[in-house]
Amino acid sequence: SMILILTLLPSMLLSQERSYGIKGGWSISNFWGDGTEDVNNA
């Protein structure tokens, strides 16, 4: 069973379904870290 799995695994990975796409949207960003509080205080 192990030999069969090791033999078939590469072909399984090469033959699996793939998808391609595009997406976009909205981002909300900020800073974090110990230095962020120092910047805000200054």
All heavy atoms as atom14 arrays in JSON, in Angstrom:
{
  "sequence": "SMILILTLLPSMLLSQERSYGIKGGWSISNFWGDGTEDVNNA",
  "atom14_mask": [
    [1, 1, 1, 1, 1, 1, 0, 0, 0, 0, 0, 0, 0, 0],
    [1, 1, 1, 1, 1, 1, 1, 1, 0, 0, 0, 0, 0, 0],
    [1, 1, 1, 1, 1, 1, 1, 1, 0, 0, 0, 0, 0, 0],
    [1, 1, 1, 1, 1, 1, 1, 1, 0, 0, 0, 0, 0, 0],
    [1, 1, 1, 1, 1, 1, 1, 1, 0, 0, 0, 0, 0, 0],
    [1, 1, 1, 1, 1, 1, 1, 1, 0, 0, 0, 0, 0, 0],
    [1, 1, 1, 1, 1, 1, 1, 0, 0, 0, 0, 0, 0, 0],
    [1, 1, 1, 1, 1, 1, 1, 1, 0, 0, 0, 0, 0, 0],
    [1, 1, 1, 1, 1, 1, 1, 1, 0, 0, 0, 0, 0, 0],
    [1, 1, 1, 1, 1, 1, 1, 0, 0, 0, 0, 0, 0, 0],
    [1, 1, 1, 1, 1, 1, 0, 0, 0, 0, 0, 0, 0, 0],
    [1, 1, 1, 1, 1, 1, 1, 1, 0, 0, 0, 0, 0, 0],
    [1, 1, 1, 1, 1, 1, 1, 1, 0, 0, 0, 0, 0, 0],
    [1, 1, 1, 1, 1, 1, 1, 1, 0, 0, 0, 0, 0, 0],
    [1, 1, 1, 1, 1, 1, 0, 0, 0, 0, 0, 0, 0, 0],
    [1, 1, 1, 1, 1, 1, 1, 1, 1, 0, 0, 0, 0, 0],
    [1, 1, 1, 1, 1, 1, 1, 1, 1, 0, 0, 0, 0, 0],
    [1, 1, 1, 1, 1, 1, 1, 1, 1, 1, 1, 0, 0, 0],
    [1, 1, 1, 1, 1, 1, 0, 0, 0, 0, 0, 0, 0, 0],
    [1, 1, 1, 1, 1, 1, 1, 1, 1, 1, 1, 1, 0, 0],
    [1, 1, 1, 1, 0, 0, 0, 0, 0, 0, 0, 0, 0, 0],
    [1, 1, 1, 1, 1, 1, 1, 1, 0, 0, 0, 0, 0, 0],
    [1, 1, 1, 1, 1, 1, 1, 1, 1, 0, 0, 0, 0, 0],
    [1, 1, 1, 1, 0, 0, 0, 0, 0, 0, 0, 0, 0, 0],
    [1, 1, 1, 1, 0, 0, 0, 0, 0, 0, 0, 0, 0, 0],
    [1, 1, 1, 1, 1, 1, 1, 1, 1, 1, 1, 1, 1, 1],
    [1, 1, 1, 1, 1, 1, 0, 0, 0, 0, 0, 0, 0, 0],
    [1, 1, 1, 1, 1, 1, 1, 1, 0, 0, 0, 0, 0, 0],
    [1, 1, 1, 1, 1, 1, 0, 0, 0, 0, 0, 0, 0, 0],
    [1, 1, 1, 1, 1, 1, 1, 1, 0, 0, 0, 0, 0, 0],
    [1, 1, 1, 1, 1, 1, 1, 1, 1, 1, 1, 0, 0, 0],
    [1, 1, 1, 1, 1, 1, 1, 1, 1, 1, 1, 1, 1, 1],
    [1, 1, 1, 1, 0, 0, 0, 0, 0, 0, 0, 0, 0, 0],
    [1, 1, 1, 1, 1, 1, 1, 1, 0, 0, 0, 0, 0, 0],
    [1, 1, 1, 1, 0, 0, 0, 0, 0, 0, 0, 0, 0, 0],
    [1, 1, 1, 1, 1, 1, 1, 0, 0, 0, 0, 0, 0, 0],
    [1, 1, 1, 1, 1, 1, 1, 1, 1, 0, 0, 0, 0, 0],
    [1, 1, 1, 1, 1, 1, 1, 1, 0, 0, 0, 0, 0, 0],
    [1, 1, 1, 1, 1, 1, 1, 0, 0, 0, 0, 0, 0, 0],
    [1, 1, 1, 1, 1, 1, 1, 1, 0, 0, 0, 0, 0, 0],
    [1, 1, 1, 1, 1, 1, 1, 1, 0, 0, 0, 0, 0, 0],
    [1, 1, 1, 1, 1, 0, 0, 0, 0, 0, 0, 0, 0, 0]
  ],
  "atom14_positions": [
    [[0.83, -1.21, 0.0], [0.0, 0.0, 0.0], [0.86, 1.25, 0.0], [0.58, 2.22, -0.71], [-0.92, 0.0, 1.22], [-1.79, -1.1, 1.18], [0.0, 0.0, 0.0], [0.0, 0.0, 0.0], [0.0, 0.0, 0.0], [0.0, 0.0, 0.0], [0.0, 0.0, 0.0], [0.0, 0.0, 0.0], [0.0, 0.0, 0.0], [0.0, 0.0, 0.0]],
    [[1.93, 1.23, 0.81], [2.82, 2.39, 0.86], [3.51, 2.62, -0.46], [3.64, 3.76, -0.93], [3.85, 2.2, 1.97], [4.8, 3.38, 2.15], [3.89, 4.9, 2.59], [3.32, 4.46, 4.24], [0.0, 0.0, 0.0], [0.0, 0.0, 0.0], [0.0, 0.0, 0.0], [0.0, 0.0, 0.0], [0.0, 0.0, 0.0], [0.0, 0.0, 0.0]],
    [[3.95, 1.54, -1.1], [4.61, 1.67, -2.4], [3.65, 2.25, -3.43], [4.01, 3.12, -4.23], [5.15, 0.3, -2.86], [6.31, -0.15, -1.97], [5.61, 0.37, -4.32], [6.78, -1.57, -2.23], [0.0, 0.0, 0.0], [0.0, 0.0, 0.0], [0.0, 0.0, 0.0], [0.0, 0.0, 0.0], [0.0, 0.0, 0.0], [0.0, 0.0, 0.0]],
    [[2.4, 1.79, -3.42], [1.4, 2.31, -4.36], [1.15, 3.79, -4.14], [1.05, 4.57, -5.09], [0.1, 1.52, -4.22], [0.1, 0.09, -4.77], [-1.2, -0.6, -4.41], [0.32, 0.1, -6.28], [0.0, 0.0, 0.0], [0.0, 0.0, 0.0], [0.0, 0.0, 0.0], [0.0, 0.0, 0.0], [0.0, 0.0, 0.0], [0.0, 0.0, 0.0]],
    [[1.06, 4.21, -2.87], [0.82, 5.62, -2.56], [1.98, 6.47, -3.05], [1.79, 7.51, -3.69], [0.61, 5.81, -1.05], [-0.72, 5.17, -0.62], [0.63, 7.29, -0.68], [-0.94, 5.16, 0.87], [0.0, 0.0, 0.0], [0.0, 0.0, 0.0], [0.0, 0.0, 0.0], [0.0, 0.0, 0.0], [0.0, 0.0, 0.0], [0.0, 0.0, 0.0]],
    [[3.21, 6.03, -2.75], [4.39, 6.8, -3.16], [4.52, 6.84, -4.68], [5.01, 7.82, -5.24], [5.66, 6.2, -2.54], [5.77, 6.31, -1.02], [7.01, 5.59, -0.52], [5.79, 7.77, -0.59], [0.0, 0.0, 0.0], [0.0, 0.0, 0.0], [0.0, 0.0, 0.0], [0.0, 0.0, 0.0], [0.0, 0.0, 0.0], [0.0, 0.0, 0.0]],
    [[4.06, 5.79, -5.34], [4.15, 5.75, -6.8], [3.11, 6.65, -7.45], [3.38, 7.34, -8.44], [3.95, 4.31, -7.3], [4.95, 3.47, -6.71], [4.08, 4.24, -8.81], [0.0, 0.0, 0.0], [0.0, 0.0, 0.0], [0.0, 0.0, 0.0], [0.0, 0.0, 0.0], [0.0, 0.0, 0.0], [0.0, 0.0, 0.0], [0.0, 0.0, 0.0]],
    [[1.9, 6.65, -6.9], [0.81, 7.4, -7.51], [0.74, 8.86, -7.08], [0.14, 9.67, -7.76], [-0.52, 6.72, -7.16], [-0.73, 5.32, -7.73], [-2.03, 4.72, -7.2], [-0.74, 5.35, -9.26], [0.0, 0.0, 0.0], [0.0, 0.0, 0.0], [0.0, 0.0, 0.0], [0.0, 0.0, 0.0], [0.0, 0.0, 0.0], [0.0, 0.0, 0.0]],
    [[1.36, 9.21, -5.93], [1.23, 10.57, -5.4], [1.67, 11.64, -6.38], [0.96, 12.63, -6.58], [2.0, 10.69, -4.08], [1.89, 12.04, -3.38], [0.42, 12.34, -3.04], [2.73, 12.06, -2.1], [0.0, 0.0, 0.0], [0.0, 0.0, 0.0], [0.0, 0.0, 0.0], [0.0, 0.0, 0.0], [0.0, 0.0, 0.0], [0.0, 0.0, 0.0]],
    [[2.85, 11.52, -7.04], [3.24, 12.58, -7.99], [2.21, 12.8, -9.09], [1.87, 13.94, -9.43], [4.57, 12.07, -8.54], [5.11, 11.17, -7.48], [3.89, 10.49, -6.91], [0.0, 0.0, 0.0], [0.0, 0.0, 0.0], [0.0, 0.0, 0.0], [0.0, 0.0, 0.0], [0.0, 0.0, 0.0], [0.0, 0.0, 0.0], [0.0, 0.0, 0.0]],
    [[1.68, 11.7, -9.66], [0.69, 11.87, -10.74], [-0.6, 12.46, -10.2], [-1.29, 13.21, -10.9], [0.42, 10.53, -11.42], [-0.09, 9.59, -10.49], [0.0, 0.0, 0.0], [0.0, 0.0, 0.0], [0.0, 0.0, 0.0], [0.0, 0.0, 0.0], [0.0, 0.0, 0.0], [0.0, 0.0, 0.0], [0.0, 0.0, 0.0], [0.0, 0.0, 0.0]],
    [[-0.96, 12.11, -8.93], [-2.16, 12.69, -8.34], [-2.01, 14.19, -8.21], [-2.92, 14.97, -8.52], [-2.41, 12.07, -6.97], [-2.87, 10.62, -7.01], [-2.87, 9.87, -5.38], [-4.04, 10.92, -4.52], [0.0, 0.0, 0.0], [0.0, 0.0, 0.0], [0.0, 0.0, 0.0], [0.0, 0.0, 0.0], [0.0, 0.0, 0.0], [0.0, 0.0, 0.0]],
    [[-0.84, 14.64, -7.75], [-0.62, 16.07, -7.54], [-0.6, 16.82, -8.86], [-1.04, 17.97, -8.95], [0.68, 16.3, -6.79], [0.7, 15.82, -5.33], [2.07, 16.08, -4.72], [-0.39, 16.48, -4.5], [0.0, 0.0, 0.0], [0.0, 0.0, 0.0], [0.0, 0.0, 0.0], [0.0, 0.0, 0.0], [0.0, 0.0, 0.0], [0.0, 0.0, 0.0]],
    [[-0.07, 16.18, -9.92], [0.05, 16.84, -11.21], [-1.27, 16.9, -11.95], [-1.44, 17.66, -12.88], [1.1, 16.13, -12.07], [2.55, 16.22, -11.57], [3.45, 15.43, -12.5], [3.0, 17.67, -11.48], [0.0, 0.0, 0.0], [0.0, 0.0, 0.0], [0.0, 0.0, 0.0], [0.0, 0.0, 0.0], [0.0, 0.0, 0.0], [0.0, 0.0, 0.0]],
    [[-2.23, 16.08, -11.56], [-3.46, 16.0, -12.34], [-4.65, 16.64, -11.64], [-5.76, 16.57, -12.14], [-3.79, 14.53, -12.63], [-4.03, 13.83, -11.41], [0.0, 0.0, 0.0], [0.0, 0.0, 0.0], [0.0, 0.0, 0.0], [0.0, 0.0, 0.0], [0.0, 0.0, 0.0], [0.0, 0.0, 0.0], [0.0, 0.0, 0.0], [0.0, 0.0, 0.0]],
    [[-4.43, 17.24, -10.47], [-5.56, 17.8, -9.75], [-6.07, 19.07, -10.42], [-5.34, 19.77, -11.12], [-5.18, 18.08, -8.3], [-4.85, 16.83, -7.49], [-5.96, 15.82, -7.55], [-7.13, 16.17, -7.48], [-5.6, 14.55, -7.69], [0.0, 0.0, 0.0], [0.0, 0.0, 0.0], [0.0, 0.0, 0.0], [0.0, 0.0, 0.0], [0.0, 0.0, 0.0]],
    [[-7.33, 19.38, -10.16], [-7.99, 20.54, -10.75], [-7.33, 21.83, -10.29], [-6.91, 21.97, -9.14], [-9.46, 20.54, -10.34], [-10.26, 21.65, -10.96], [-11.73, 21.54, -10.59], [-12.09, 22.09, -9.55], [-12.48, 20.9, -11.34], [0.0, 0.0, 0.0], [0.0, 0.0, 0.0], [0.0, 0.0, 0.0], [0.0, 0.0, 0.0], [0.0, 0.0, 0.0]],
    [[-7.24, 22.78, -11.19], [-6.67, 24.09, -10.88], [-7.7, 25.16, -11.22], [-8.58, 24.95, -12.05], [-5.4, 24.33, -11.68], [-4.31, 23.32, -11.44], [-3.04, 23.78, -12.09], [-2.63, 25.04, -11.51], [-1.45, 25.24, -10.91], [-0.6, 24.25, -10.8], [-1.13, 26.41, -10.43], [0.0, 0.0, 0.0], [0.0, 0.0, 0.0], [0.0, 0.0, 0.0]],
    [[-7.53, 26.3, -10.59], [-8.37, 27.45, -10.93], [-7.52, 28.7, -10.94], [-6.51, 28.79, -10.23], [-9.54, 27.61, -9.94], [-9.07, 27.82, -8.62], [0.0, 0.0, 0.0], [0.0, 0.0, 0.0], [0.0, 0.0, 0.0], [0.0, 0.0, 0.0], [0.0, 0.0, 0.0], [0.0, 0.0, 0.0], [0.0, 0.0, 0.0], [0.0, 0.0, 0.0]],
    [[-7.91, 29.66, -11.76], [-7.23, 30.94, -11.89], [-8.29, 32.03, -11.78], [-9.42, 31.87, -12.25], [-6.51, 31.06, -13.24], [-5.41, 30.04, -13.43], [-5.7, 28.77, -13.93], [-4.11, 30.35, -13.1], [-4.71, 27.84, -14.11], [-3.09, 29.42, -13.28], [-3.4, 28.17, -13.78], [-2.4, 27.23, -13.94], [0.0, 0.0, 0.0], [0.0, 0.0, 0.0]],
    [[-7.92, 33.14, -11.15], [-8.92, 34.18, -11.01], [-8.34, 35.53, -10.65], [-7.12, 35.71, -10.53], [0.0, 0.0, 0.0], [0.0, 0.0, 0.0], [0.0, 0.0, 0.0], [0.0, 0.0, 0.0], [0.0, 0.0, 0.0], [0.0, 0.0, 0.0], [0.0, 0.0, 0.0], [0.0, 0.0, 0.0], [0.0, 0.0, 0.0], [0.0, 0.0, 0.0]],
    [[-9.24, 36.46, -10.49], [-8.9, 37.83, -10.12], [-9.91, 38.31, -9.08], [-11.09, 37.92, -9.13], [-8.91, 38.76, -11.36], [-8.44, 40.17, -10.98], [-10.27, 38.79, -12.04], [-8.21, 41.08, -12.19], [0.0, 0.0, 0.0], [0.0, 0.0, 0.0], [0.0, 0.0, 0.0], [0.0, 0.0, 0.0], [0.0, 0.0, 0.0], [0.0, 0.0, 0.0]],
    [[-9.46, 39.1, -8.13], [-10.35, 39.66, -7.13], [-9.81, 41.0, -6.67], [-8.63, 41.31, -6.83], [-10.52, 38.71, -5.93], [-9.23, 38.35, -5.24], [-9.44, 37.24, -4.22], [-8.11, 36.72, -3.68], [-8.28, 35.58, -2.75], [0.0, 0.0, 0.0], [0.0, 0.0, 0.0], [0.0, 0.0, 0.0], [0.0, 0.0, 0.0], [0.0, 0.0, 0.0]],
    [[-10.69, 41.8, -6.11], [-10.29, 43.11, -5.61], [-11.25, 43.56, -4.54], [-12.31, 42.95, -4.34], [0.0, 0.0, 0.0], [0.0, 0.0, 0.0], [0.0, 0.0, 0.0], [0.0, 0.0, 0.0], [0.0, 0.0, 0.0], [0.0, 0.0, 0.0], [0.0, 0.0, 0.0], [0.0, 0.0, 0.0], [0.0, 0.0, 0.0], [0.0, 0.0, 0.0]],
    [[-10.89, 44.63, -3.86], [-11.77, 45.11, -2.8], [-11.16, 46.19, -1.96], [-10.3, 46.95, -2.42], [0.0, 0.0, 0.0], [0.0, 0.0, 0.0], [0.0, 0.0, 0.0], [0.0, 0.0, 0.0], [0.0, 0.0, 0.0], [0.0, 0.0, 0.0], [0.0, 0.0, 0.0], [0.0, 0.0, 0.0], [0.0, 0.0, 0.0], [0.0, 0.0, 0.0]],
    [[-11.58, 46.21, -0.72], [-11.32, 47.3, 0.21], [-10.31, 46.85, 1.25], [-10.39, 45.74, 1.77], [-12.64, 47.68, 0.88], [-12.67, 48.99, 1.59], [-12.8, 49.19, 2.93], [-12.59, 50.3, 1.01], [-12.83, 50.54, 3.23], [-12.69, 51.24, 2.06], [-12.45, 50.76, -0.3], [-12.65, 52.61, 1.83], [-12.4, 52.14, -0.52], [-12.52, 53.03, 0.54]],
    [[-9.35, 47.72, 1.58], [-8.37, 47.39, 2.61], [-8.42, 48.43, 3.73], [-8.65, 49.62, 3.48], [-6.95, 47.32, 2.03], [-6.5, 48.6, 1.65], [0.0, 0.0, 0.0], [0.0, 0.0, 0.0], [0.0, 0.0, 0.0], [0.0, 0.0, 0.0], [0.0, 0.0, 0.0], [0.0, 0.0, 0.0], [0.0, 0.0, 0.0], [0.0, 0.0, 0.0]],
    [[-8.23, 47.95, 4.95], [-8.17, 48.8, 6.15], [-6.85, 48.49, 6.83], [-6.64, 47.35, 7.28], [-9.35, 48.49, 7.1], [-10.68, 48.62, 6.37], [-9.31, 49.41, 8.31], [-11.86, 48.06, 7.15], [0.0, 0.0, 0.0], [0.0, 0.0, 0.0], [0.0, 0.0, 0.0], [0.0, 0.0, 0.0], [0.0, 0.0, 0.0], [0.0, 0.0, 0.0]],
    [[-5.95, 49.45, 6.9], [-4.62, 49.17, 7.42], [-4.25, 50.11, 8.55], [-4.85, 51.17, 8.74], [-3.57, 49.26, 6.3], [-3.48, 50.58, 5.8], [0.0, 0.0, 0.0], [0.0, 0.0, 0.0], [0.0, 0.0, 0.0], [0.0, 0.0, 0.0], [0.0, 0.0, 0.0], [0.0, 0.0, 0.0], [0.0, 0.0, 0.0], [0.0, 0.0, 0.0]],
    [[-3.2, 49.7, 9.29], [-2.7, 50.48, 10.41], [-1.31, 49.94, 10.75], [-0.81, 49.04, 10.09], [-3.65, 50.39, 11.6], [-3.64, 51.65, 12.46], [-2.58, 52.14, 12.85], [-4.82, 52.17, 12.74], [0.0, 0.0, 0.0], [0.0, 0.0, 0.0], [0.0, 0.0, 0.0], [0.0, 0.0, 0.0], [0.0, 0.0, 0.0], [0.0, 0.0, 0.0]],
    [[-0.7, 50.49, 11.79], [0.59, 50.01, 12.27], [0.41, 49.32, 13.61], [-0.52, 49.62, 14.37], [1.58, 51.17, 12.45], [1.98, 51.85, 11.17], [2.12, 53.24, 11.12], [2.24, 51.13, 10.01], [2.5, 53.87, 9.96], [2.61, 51.75, 8.84], [2.75, 53.14, 8.81], [0.0, 0.0, 0.0], [0.0, 0.0, 0.0], [0.0, 0.0, 0.0]],
    [[1.32, 48.37, 13.88], [1.37, 47.76, 15.2], [2.84, 47.62, 15.6], [3.74, 47.83, 14.8], [0.67, 46.39, 15.21], [1.49, 45.27, 14.6], [1.63, 44.97, 13.27], [2.28, 44.33, 15.32], [2.45, 43.91, 13.1], [2.87, 43.48, 14.34], [2.56, 44.11, 16.67], [3.73, 42.42, 14.69], [3.4, 43.06, 17.01], [3.98, 42.24, 16.04]],
    [[3.07, 47.25, 16.85], [4.44, 47.08, 17.33], [4.76, 48.07, 18.44], [4.09, 49.1, 18.6], [0.0, 0.0, 0.0], [0.0, 0.0, 0.0], [0.0, 0.0, 0.0], [0.0, 0.0, 0.0], [0.0, 0.0, 0.0], [0.0, 0.0, 0.0], [0.0, 0.0, 0.0], [0.0, 0.0, 0.0], [0.0, 0.0, 0.0], [0.0, 0.0, 0.0]],
    [[5.8, 47.77, 19.2], [6.18, 48.61, 20.33], [6.5, 50.04, 19.91], [6.27, 50.99, 20.66], [7.38, 48.0, 21.05], [7.06, 46.67, 21.71], [5.87, 46.43, 21.97], [7.99, 45.87, 21.95], [0.0, 0.0, 0.0], [0.0, 0.0, 0.0], [0.0, 0.0, 0.0], [0.0, 0.0, 0.0], [0.0, 0.0, 0.0], [0.0, 0.0, 0.0]],
    [[7.05, 50.2, 18.7], [7.43, 51.54, 18.26], [6.26, 52.41, 17.87], [6.39, 53.64, 17.81], [0.0, 0.0, 0.0], [0.0, 0.0, 0.0], [0.0, 0.0, 0.0], [0.0, 0.0, 0.0], [0.0, 0.0, 0.0], [0.0, 0.0, 0.0], [0.0, 0.0, 0.0], [0.0, 0.0, 0.0], [0.0, 0.0, 0.0], [0.0, 0.0, 0.0]],
    [[5.11, 51.81, 17.6], [3.94, 52.58, 17.18], [3.49, 53.56, 18.26], [3.16, 54.72, 17.98], [2.79, 51.64, 16.81], [3.23, 50.74, 15.8], [1.6, 52.41, 16.3], [0.0, 0.0, 0.0], [0.0, 0.0, 0.0], [0.0, 0.0, 0.0], [0.0, 0.0, 0.0], [0.0, 0.0, 0.0], [0.0, 0.0, 0.0], [0.0, 0.0, 0.0]],
    [[3.48, 53.1, 19.51], [3.08, 53.97, 20.61], [4.06, 55.12, 20.79], [3.66, 56.25, 21.1], [2.97, 53.16, 21.9], [2.3, 53.88, 23.05], [0.84, 54.2, 22.76], [0.21, 53.46, 21.99], [0.34, 55.21, 23.31], [0.0, 0.0, 0.0], [0.0, 0.0, 0.0], [0.0, 0.0, 0.0], [0.0, 0.0, 0.0], [0.0, 0.0, 0.0]],
    [[5.35, 54.86, 20.56], [6.36, 55.92, 20.65], [6.11, 57.0, 19.6], [6.22, 58.2, 19.88], [7.77, 55.33, 20.47], [8.15, 54.37, 21.58], [7.57, 54.49, 22.7], [9.02, 53.52, 21.35], [0.0, 0.0, 0.0], [0.0, 0.0, 0.0], [0.0, 0.0, 0.0], [0.0, 0.0, 0.0], [0.0, 0.0, 0.0], [0.0, 0.0, 0.0]],
    [[5.77, 56.58, 18.37], [5.48, 57.54, 17.3], [4.25, 58.37, 17.65], [4.25, 59.6, 17.52], [5.27, 56.8, 15.96], [4.76, 57.77, 14.89], [6.56, 56.14, 15.5], [0.0, 0.0, 0.0], [0.0, 0.0, 0.0], [0.0, 0.0, 0.0], [0.0, 0.0, 0.0], [0.0, 0.0, 0.0], [0.0, 0.0, 0.0], [0.0, 0.0, 0.0]],
    [[3.19, 57.72, 18.12], [1.97, 58.44, 18.47], [2.22, 59.44, 19.6], [1.71, 60.57, 19.57], [0.88, 57.45, 18.89], [0.4, 56.6, 17.73], [0.44, 57.01, 16.58], [-0.04, 55.39, 18.05], [0.0, 0.0, 0.0], [0.0, 0.0, 0.0], [0.0, 0.0, 0.0], [0.0, 0.0, 0.0], [0.0, 0.0, 0.0], [0.0, 0.0, 0.0]],
    [[2.98, 59.04, 20.6], [3.28, 59.93, 21.72], [4.08, 61.14, 21.26], [3.85, 62.27, 21.71], [4.04, 59.19, 22.81], [3.16, 58.18, 23.54], [1.94, 58.3, 23.55], [3.78, 57.18, 24.16], [0.0, 0.0, 0.0], [0.0, 0.0, 0.0], [0.0, 0.0, 0.0], [0.0, 0.0, 0.0], [0.0, 0.0, 0.0], [0.0, 0.0, 0.0]],
    [[5.06, 60.92, 20.36], [5.87, 62.04, 19.86], [5.0, 63.01, 19.07], [5.13, 64.24, 19.22], [7.0, 61.5, 18.98], [0.0, 0.0, 0.0], [0.0, 0.0, 0.0], [0.0, 0.0, 0.0], [0.0, 0.0, 0.0], [0.0, 0.0, 0.0], [0.0, 0.0, 0.0], [0.0, 0.0, 0.0], [0.0, 0.0, 0.0], [0.0, 0.0, 0.0]]
  ]
}
